[in-house]
Amino acid sequence: SSLVHAASLVDPARHAPALMQLIDVKLDSHVIDYVVKCVADTVEYVMAQTLSSSHATRGRRTRCPYTPRFTRFVANVLFRAAVTPPTLLTALVYIHRARPHLFIAVEEWALERVFLGALIVASKYTNDSTLKNVHWALCTGVFGKRDVGRIEREFLEVLDWELGIHEGDLLAHYEGVLAASTSSQPPALPSGIVLKSAPLRSGEATATSAITHSYHHHVGILSTPQLHLSSAGFPQPDTTCTPPEPSYSSIHRGESFGHMDPEAPTPLSCYA
C-alpha cells in the first residue's frame, strides 16, 4: 500500500514538492513575524475600507501597527497549543479568505481576534482531535471560554463555512514563509505551480487538498452579507501574570457581538 502523508491523508507523491517543503517548515520567530504581518495587513485593509465607507477620515490611510504585544500573543498561542505548520498555513488561508467579508467596528483586540478565530477553525478542521475552547482560552491568557466560542462561531460566519483548502491556496504563502524561515531571498517557486486556486464551489471535492479533514460535514452555501467585528466588553489582559517567552524550536451576522455581555474571564494562573 502507498504511503499516506499525515497532513493530507493521501500519497505524498500526489503533492507538489514545493508544498512538501512548505508544510515541513520550522515555526521560528521569523515565520511568526510573517504571520503577524499577514494578520496586520488584513486588519489594516478592513479598517481602511470601513473608514472609507463611513467617510469618517477622507484621504487618510489607516495604519494598524502590529505591536510587540500581538507578536507575543501569536508566539505564546502557537507554542502553548503546539500548533503544527499545516494548521498554521490553513489559518493563513482562512485569514486571506475572510478579508473581503470582515467589518471591524473597533480596533481594540482586532488583531488577536482575527488570528485566534482563524487558528481555532483551522485546528478543528484539520485535526480529528483538538483542544477544547477552555484550553484555547488558557493558551491565550486573555480571552475567556465564552469569548473563544463566540470568536470561533463568528469567524465561521465570515467564511460562510467554506473551509476547503487546495494546494494553490497554501502555495500562495510559499515564497513569504520560506523567505522568512531561511531569512534569505525567497526561493524560486517551481514552474507549473499555480499560486491561487479557483474559487470554491459548493460540493467541490477536496481530495487533492494538502490539508484535508478526515471527515466533512455537508453545509449549505449561504449568501455572505457584511459581517461585523467589535471588541466592546472583551476582557483586558491580566497584567499581573506575564506569560513566559516561548522557545521558538462582529464577526456576527447583523449587530456587533460587542453589545452582548461576555462571560467574566476566569483568573488564569501563570505558566511555569
Protein backbone atom coordinates (compact mmCIF):
# COMPACT_ATOMS: atom_id res chain seq x y z
CA SER A 1 0.00 0.00 0.00
CA SER A 2 1.18 3.53 -0.71
CA LEU A 3 2.37 5.89 1.96
CA VAL A 4 -0.07 8.42 3.36
CA HIS A 5 1.01 11.88 4.44
CA ALA A 6 -0.15 12.71 7.98
CA ALA A 7 -1.35 16.19 6.99
CA SER A 8 -3.26 15.35 3.81
CA LEU A 9 -4.15 11.67 4.26
CA VAL A 10 -3.12 10.98 0.65
CA ASP A 11 0.06 9.76 -1.03
CA PRO A 12 2.77 12.47 -0.75
CA ALA A 13 3.69 11.79 -4.39
CA ARG A 14 0.43 13.47 -5.38
CA HIS A 15 1.59 16.78 -3.91
CA ALA A 16 3.93 19.36 -5.40
CA PRO A 17 7.46 19.13 -3.92
CA ALA A 18 7.18 22.81 -3.01
CA LEU A 19 4.18 22.01 -0.84
CA MET A 20 6.04 19.26 0.99
CA GLN A 21 8.82 21.75 1.70
CA LEU A 22 6.32 24.34 2.89
CA ILE A 23 4.48 22.19 5.41
CA ASP A 24 7.75 20.96 6.93
CA VAL A 25 8.93 24.49 7.73
CA LYS A 26 10.11 25.24 11.26
CA LEU A 27 7.88 27.71 13.11
CA ASP A 28 10.64 30.02 14.30
CA SER A 29 10.49 33.69 15.23
CA HIS A 30 10.86 34.77 11.59
CA VAL A 31 7.84 32.73 10.50
CA ILE A 32 5.90 34.17 13.43
CA ASP A 33 6.79 37.65 12.19
CA TYR A 34 5.39 36.71 8.77
CA VAL A 35 2.14 35.53 10.36
CA VAL A 36 1.88 38.75 12.37
CA LYS A 37 2.34 40.81 9.21
CA CYS A 38 -0.34 38.85 7.34
CA VAL A 39 -2.86 39.44 10.13
CA ALA A 40 -1.94 43.11 10.46
CA ASP A 41 -2.22 43.68 6.71
CA THR A 42 -5.71 42.16 6.72
CA VAL A 43 -6.91 44.19 9.70
CA GLU A 44 -5.42 47.38 8.25
CA TYR A 45 -7.16 46.76 4.91
CA VAL A 46 -10.52 46.10 6.58
CA MET A 47 -10.27 49.16 8.80
CA ALA A 48 -9.40 51.35 5.81
CA GLN A 49 -12.43 50.01 3.95
CA THR A 50 -14.62 50.64 6.98
CA LEU A 51 -13.47 54.24 7.32
CA SER A 52 -13.79 54.81 3.60
CA SER A 53 -17.39 53.60 3.57
CA SER A 54 -18.27 55.80 6.55
CA HIS A 55 -16.44 58.85 5.10
CA ALA A 56 -15.01 59.35 8.58
CA THR A 57 -11.45 60.06 7.51
CA ARG A 58 -11.44 61.02 3.86
CA GLY A 59 -7.99 60.94 2.31
CA ARG A 60 -6.33 59.30 5.30
CA ARG A 61 -4.77 55.83 5.24
CA THR A 62 -5.38 53.91 8.43
CA ARG A 63 -2.46 52.03 9.86
CA CYS A 64 -2.85 49.06 12.17
CA PRO A 65 0.59 48.60 13.70
CA TYR A 66 1.38 45.11 14.89
CA THR A 67 2.63 45.72 18.38
CA PRO A 68 5.05 43.62 20.44
CA ARG A 69 2.02 42.60 22.49
CA PHE A 70 0.40 40.96 19.48
CA THR A 71 3.64 39.27 18.43
CA ARG A 72 3.95 37.78 21.93
CA PHE A 73 0.30 36.72 21.77
CA VAL A 74 0.84 34.84 18.49
CA ALA A 75 4.05 33.21 19.71
CA ASN A 76 2.53 32.14 23.03
CA VAL A 77 -0.61 30.67 21.47
CA LEU A 78 1.37 28.74 18.84
CA PHE A 79 3.76 27.42 21.47
CA ARG A 80 1.20 26.53 24.14
CA ALA A 81 -1.23 24.93 21.70
CA ALA A 82 1.59 23.02 19.92
CA VAL A 83 0.33 24.24 16.55
CA THR A 84 1.78 22.44 13.53
CA PRO A 85 2.83 24.09 10.23
CA PRO A 86 -0.13 22.61 8.25
CA THR A 87 -2.61 24.04 10.75
CA LEU A 88 -0.94 27.45 10.76
CA LEU A 89 -0.84 27.56 6.95
CA THR A 90 -4.54 26.72 6.85
CA ALA A 91 -5.20 29.60 9.25
CA LEU A 92 -3.32 31.97 6.92
CA VAL A 93 -5.52 30.83 4.03
CA TYR A 94 -8.65 31.48 6.10
CA ILE A 95 -7.44 34.96 7.08
CA HIS A 96 -6.98 35.85 3.42
CA ARG A 97 -10.35 34.32 2.52
CA ALA A 98 -12.16 36.27 5.24
CA ARG A 99 -10.63 39.59 4.20
CA PRO A 100 -13.41 40.79 1.83
CA HIS A 101 -16.16 39.96 4.34
CA LEU A 102 -14.81 41.39 7.60
CA PHE A 103 -16.08 44.61 9.12
CA ILE A 104 -14.15 45.89 12.14
CA ALA A 105 -16.08 48.40 14.21
CA VAL A 106 -13.50 48.74 16.99
CA GLU A 107 -9.75 48.36 16.57
CA GLU A 108 -9.05 47.14 20.11
CA TRP A 109 -8.06 43.43 20.16
CA ALA A 110 -8.90 43.13 16.44
CA LEU A 111 -5.55 41.53 15.60
CA GLU A 112 -5.89 38.93 18.34
CA ARG A 113 -9.47 38.06 17.43
CA VAL A 114 -8.85 37.65 13.70
CA PHE A 115 -5.78 35.47 14.32
CA LEU A 116 -7.43 33.36 17.02
CA GLY A 117 -10.64 32.82 15.05
CA ALA A 118 -8.73 31.61 12.00
CA LEU A 119 -6.39 29.40 14.03
CA ILE A 120 -9.13 27.66 16.01
CA VAL A 121 -11.21 26.97 12.90
CA ALA A 122 -8.10 25.68 11.09
CA SER A 123 -7.16 23.44 14.00
CA LYS A 124 -10.61 21.90 14.27
CA TYR A 125 -10.89 21.40 10.51
CA THR A 126 -7.50 19.76 10.01
CA ASN A 127 -7.35 17.59 13.13
CA ASP A 128 -9.66 14.86 14.41
CA SER A 129 -8.52 15.55 17.97
CA THR A 130 -8.03 19.16 19.00
CA LEU A 131 -8.10 21.44 22.00
CA LYS A 132 -11.37 22.36 23.67
CA ASN A 133 -12.30 26.02 23.87
CA VAL A 134 -11.47 26.16 27.56
CA HIS A 135 -7.92 25.10 26.68
CA TRP A 136 -7.70 27.66 23.88
CA ALA A 137 -8.72 30.28 26.44
CA LEU A 138 -5.87 29.20 28.70
CA CYS A 139 -3.45 29.32 25.77
CA THR A 140 -4.37 32.94 25.05
CA GLY A 141 -4.04 34.18 28.62
CA VAL A 142 -6.53 36.91 27.63
CA PHE A 143 -9.90 35.59 26.50
CA GLY A 144 -12.44 33.56 28.47
CA LYS A 145 -14.09 30.36 27.28
CA ARG A 146 -17.24 32.12 26.11
CA ASP A 147 -15.19 34.72 24.27
CA VAL A 148 -13.30 31.97 22.44
CA GLY A 149 -16.50 30.18 21.46
CA ARG A 150 -18.00 33.37 20.13
CA ILE A 151 -14.88 34.28 18.14
CA GLU A 152 -14.89 30.81 16.56
CA ARG A 153 -18.58 30.85 15.62
CA GLU A 154 -18.44 34.32 14.15
CA PHE A 155 -15.29 33.61 12.15
CA LEU A 156 -17.09 30.63 10.65
CA GLU A 157 -19.89 33.01 9.63
CA VAL A 158 -17.36 35.26 7.93
CA LEU A 159 -16.00 32.28 5.98
CA ASP A 160 -19.57 31.23 5.19
CA TRP A 161 -18.41 27.74 6.22
CA GLU A 162 -16.19 27.50 3.13
CA LEU A 163 -13.35 25.55 4.73
CA GLY A 164 -11.96 23.51 1.83
CA ILE A 165 -8.25 24.01 1.12
CA HIS A 166 -6.38 23.45 -2.14
CA GLU A 167 -2.68 23.32 -2.92
CA GLY A 168 -2.85 26.66 -4.68
CA ASP A 169 -4.23 28.31 -1.54
CA LEU A 170 -1.28 27.09 0.51
CA LEU A 171 1.37 27.76 -2.12
CA ALA A 172 0.31 31.41 -2.19
CA HIS A 173 2.38 31.64 1.02
CA TYR A 174 5.35 29.64 -0.31
CA GLU A 175 7.73 32.49 -1.04
CA GLY A 176 6.77 34.50 2.04
CA VAL A 177 7.07 31.64 4.52
CA LEU A 178 10.24 30.15 3.04
CA ALA A 179 11.90 33.55 2.83
CA ALA A 180 11.03 34.22 6.46
CA SER A 181 12.13 30.77 7.57
CA THR A 182 15.54 30.98 5.91
CA SER A 183 15.98 34.75 6.44
CA SER A 184 17.26 34.94 2.88
CA GLN A 185 15.97 35.65 -0.60
CA PRO A 186 12.73 33.78 -1.29
CA PRO A 187 13.30 30.53 -3.17
CA ALA A 188 12.05 30.35 -6.71
CA LEU A 189 8.72 28.62 -6.97
CA PRO A 190 8.95 25.59 -9.27
CA SER A 191 7.46 26.13 -12.71
CA GLY A 192 3.95 24.91 -13.27
CA ILE A 193 2.81 25.72 -9.73
CA VAL A 194 -0.36 27.79 -9.54
CA LEU A 195 -0.34 30.16 -6.58
CA LYS A 196 -4.07 30.64 -6.23
CA SER A 197 -6.79 28.14 -6.83
CA ALA A 198 -10.13 28.83 -8.45
CA PRO A 199 -12.96 29.96 -6.14
CA LEU A 200 -14.53 27.18 -4.14
CA ARG A 201 -17.87 25.84 -5.25
CA SER A 202 -20.47 24.01 -3.21
CA GLY A 203 -19.70 20.32 -3.03
CA GLU A 204 -16.30 20.68 -4.66
CA ALA A 205 -14.01 17.75 -3.89
CA THR A 206 -11.00 18.34 -1.68
CA ALA A 207 -9.18 15.05 -2.27
CA THR A 208 -6.22 16.87 -3.77
CA SER A 209 -6.01 19.23 -0.84
CA ALA A 210 -2.77 19.28 1.09
CA ILE A 211 -4.72 19.84 4.26
CA THR A 212 -7.70 17.55 4.18
CA HIS A 213 -10.02 16.97 7.08
CA SER A 214 -10.69 13.27 7.56
CA TYR A 215 -14.39 13.86 7.82
CA HIS A 216 -16.51 16.56 6.21
CA HIS A 217 -19.88 17.98 7.11
CA HIS A 218 -22.29 18.99 4.38
CA VAL A 219 -23.06 22.67 4.77
CA GLY A 220 -25.40 24.66 2.55
CA ILE A 221 -23.96 27.68 0.76
CA LEU A 222 -25.30 30.96 2.08
CA SER A 223 -25.00 34.46 0.74
CA THR A 224 -22.40 36.48 2.66
CA PRO A 225 -23.57 39.87 3.95
CA GLN A 226 -21.32 42.41 5.58
CA LEU A 227 -20.20 40.94 8.88
CA HIS A 228 -19.20 42.91 11.91
CA LEU A 229 -16.37 42.57 14.38
CA SER A 230 -16.14 44.66 17.51
CA SER A 231 -14.31 44.30 20.80
CA ALA A 232 -16.53 46.04 23.34
CA GLY A 233 -16.78 44.02 26.51
CA PHE A 234 -13.76 41.82 25.93
CA PRO A 235 -11.56 41.24 28.98
CA GLN A 236 -8.35 43.14 29.39
CA PRO A 237 -5.14 41.12 29.78
CA ASP A 238 -4.08 40.14 33.27
CA THR A 239 -1.05 42.36 33.70
CA THR A 240 -0.17 40.68 36.99
CA CYS A 241 0.69 37.48 35.16
CA THR A 242 3.21 37.89 32.37
CA PRO A 243 3.27 34.87 30.04
CA PRO A 244 6.71 33.38 29.51
CA GLU A 245 8.59 33.98 26.31
CA PRO A 246 8.22 30.78 24.25
CA SER A 247 11.16 28.97 22.82
CA TYR A 248 10.87 29.21 19.08
CA SER A 249 12.41 25.14 18.23
CA SER A 250 -18.62 41.32 14.67
CA ILE A 251 -17.98 38.66 13.28
CA HIS A 252 -21.56 38.36 13.82
CA ARG A 253 -24.31 38.49 11.27
CA GLY A 254 -26.10 41.76 11.89
CA GLU A 255 -25.24 43.68 15.02
CA SER A 256 -21.86 43.64 16.66
CA PHE A 257 -21.27 40.96 19.25
CA GLY A 258 -19.73 43.64 21.44
CA HIS A 259 -23.23 44.52 22.56
CA MET A 260 -23.58 41.17 24.30
CA ASP A 261 -22.36 40.65 27.83
CA PRO A 262 -19.32 38.36 27.75
CA GLU A 263 -18.55 35.84 30.42
CA ALA A 264 -16.34 37.24 33.15
CA PRO A 265 -12.80 35.99 32.50
CA THR A 266 -11.66 33.17 34.69
CA PRO A 267 -8.43 34.06 36.54
CA LEU A 268 -5.51 32.44 34.77
CA SER A 269 -2.51 31.13 36.63
CA CYS A 270 0.97 31.91 35.35
CA TYR A 271 2.70 29.29 33.26
CA ALA A 272 5.74 27.87 34.93
